[in-house]
Amino acid sequence: MSEIIKLLNNPKRVQMLFILEQASLSVKEICEVLNLDQPTASHNLAMLRKHQLVSAKRVGKYNHYILNDPHILDIINETFSHADHVLRGKKHGE
């Protein structure tokens, strides 16, 4: 669990998960959408693959990445919701 939480502590990785929910993308496309260089994107995708959050499939000469576990977005959204309550000074359920 702590490894997954550490993994999600990077905003670019979280953004990758959300964009891959919408479509299968190559590293080049991910770089363009998130304004990342290729080594950074590849490194982060490798970490997401290691924890089975994304997977890759070969399309021609490129790997296209897809969200492997949509459930992780529920966890992220719940975390965002909790952070919103805290930032607004509201108690849970308000």
Protein backbone atom coordinates (compact mmCIF):
# COMPACT_ATOMS: atom_id res chain seq x y z
CA MET A 1 0.00 0.00 0.00
CA SER A 2 2.73 2.47 0.91
CA GLU A 3 4.42 1.89 -2.46
CA ILE A 4 1.20 2.76 -4.30
CA ILE A 5 0.72 5.88 -2.18
CA LYS A 6 4.31 6.95 -2.95
CA LEU A 7 3.68 6.29 -6.62
CA LEU A 8 0.59 8.52 -6.58
CA ASN A 9 2.50 11.32 -4.85
CA ASN A 10 3.69 12.48 -8.28
CA PRO A 11 1.18 14.77 -10.07
CA LYS A 12 2.41 13.77 -13.54
CA ARG A 13 1.80 10.08 -12.80
CA VAL A 14 -1.71 10.89 -11.61
CA GLN A 15 -2.30 12.90 -14.78
CA MET A 16 -1.05 9.96 -16.84
CA LEU A 17 -3.62 7.70 -15.22
CA PHE A 18 -6.44 10.12 -15.97
CA ILE A 19 -5.49 10.63 -19.62
CA LEU A 20 -5.02 6.90 -20.13
CA GLU A 21 -8.55 6.38 -18.86
CA GLN A 22 -9.72 8.23 -21.97
CA ALA A 23 -7.54 6.59 -24.63
CA SER A 24 -4.60 4.34 -25.38
CA LEU A 25 -1.59 6.58 -26.06
CA SER A 26 2.04 6.21 -27.11
CA VAL A 27 4.87 7.67 -25.05
CA LYS A 28 5.20 10.46 -27.63
CA GLU A 29 1.52 11.34 -27.31
CA ILE A 30 1.72 11.30 -23.51
CA CYS A 31 4.75 13.61 -23.69
CA GLU A 32 2.84 16.05 -25.88
CA VAL A 33 -0.26 16.09 -23.68
CA LEU A 34 1.64 16.48 -20.40
CA ASN A 35 4.56 18.54 -21.72
CA LEU A 36 7.15 15.98 -20.57
CA ASP A 37 10.40 14.82 -22.08
CA GLN A 38 10.51 11.22 -23.28
CA PRO A 39 12.89 9.84 -20.61
CA THR A 40 10.75 11.25 -17.80
CA ALA A 41 7.54 9.89 -19.30
CA SER A 42 9.08 6.47 -19.94
CA HIS A 43 10.46 6.26 -16.40
CA ASN A 44 7.08 7.11 -14.87
CA LEU A 45 5.23 4.70 -17.15
CA ALA A 46 7.65 1.94 -16.16
CA MET A 47 6.86 2.60 -12.50
CA LEU A 48 3.11 2.52 -13.21
CA ARG A 49 3.55 -0.75 -15.13
CA LYS A 50 5.57 -2.28 -12.30
CA HIS A 51 2.61 -1.74 -9.98
CA GLN A 52 0.12 -2.98 -12.62
CA LEU A 53 -1.69 0.34 -12.94
CA VAL A 54 -1.03 0.59 -16.68
CA SER A 55 -0.15 -1.92 -19.34
CA ALA A 56 1.34 -1.61 -22.80
CA LYS A 57 0.52 -3.17 -26.11
CA ARG A 58 2.53 -2.99 -29.29
CA VAL A 59 0.92 -1.03 -32.13
CA GLY A 60 3.26 -1.03 -35.10
CA LYS A 61 6.65 0.04 -33.83
CA TYR A 62 5.32 1.86 -30.76
CA ASN A 63 4.01 0.79 -27.37
CA HIS A 64 0.61 2.20 -26.54
CA TYR A 65 -0.25 2.47 -22.87
CA ILE A 66 -3.66 1.85 -21.37
CA LEU A 67 -5.08 2.14 -17.89
CA ASN A 68 -4.90 -1.34 -16.42
CA ASP A 69 -6.84 -0.75 -13.21
CA PRO A 70 -9.59 1.92 -13.40
CA HIS A 71 -10.27 1.31 -9.69
CA ILE A 72 -7.19 3.39 -8.86
CA LEU A 73 -9.02 6.48 -10.16
CA ASP A 74 -11.76 5.91 -7.56
CA ILE A 75 -9.09 5.97 -4.87
CA ILE A 76 -7.56 9.16 -6.29
CA ASN A 77 -10.96 10.85 -6.57
CA GLU A 78 -11.85 9.93 -2.98
CA THR A 79 -8.51 11.36 -1.86
CA PHE A 80 -9.24 14.59 -3.77
CA SER A 81 -12.66 14.73 -2.11
CA HIS A 82 -11.14 14.32 1.34
CA ALA A 83 -8.51 17.00 0.65
CA ASP A 84 -11.28 19.36 -0.49
CA HIS A 85 -13.14 18.89 2.82
CA VAL A 86 -9.98 19.59 4.78
CA LEU A 87 -9.08 22.68 2.74
CA ARG A 88 -12.58 24.12 3.15
CA GLY A 89 -12.51 23.42 6.88
CA LYS A 90 -15.54 21.13 6.64
CA LYS A 91 -16.13 18.00 8.65
CA HIS A 92 -16.74 14.74 6.88
CA GLY A 93 -20.23 14.64 5.38
CA GLU A 94 -20.75 18.42 5.31
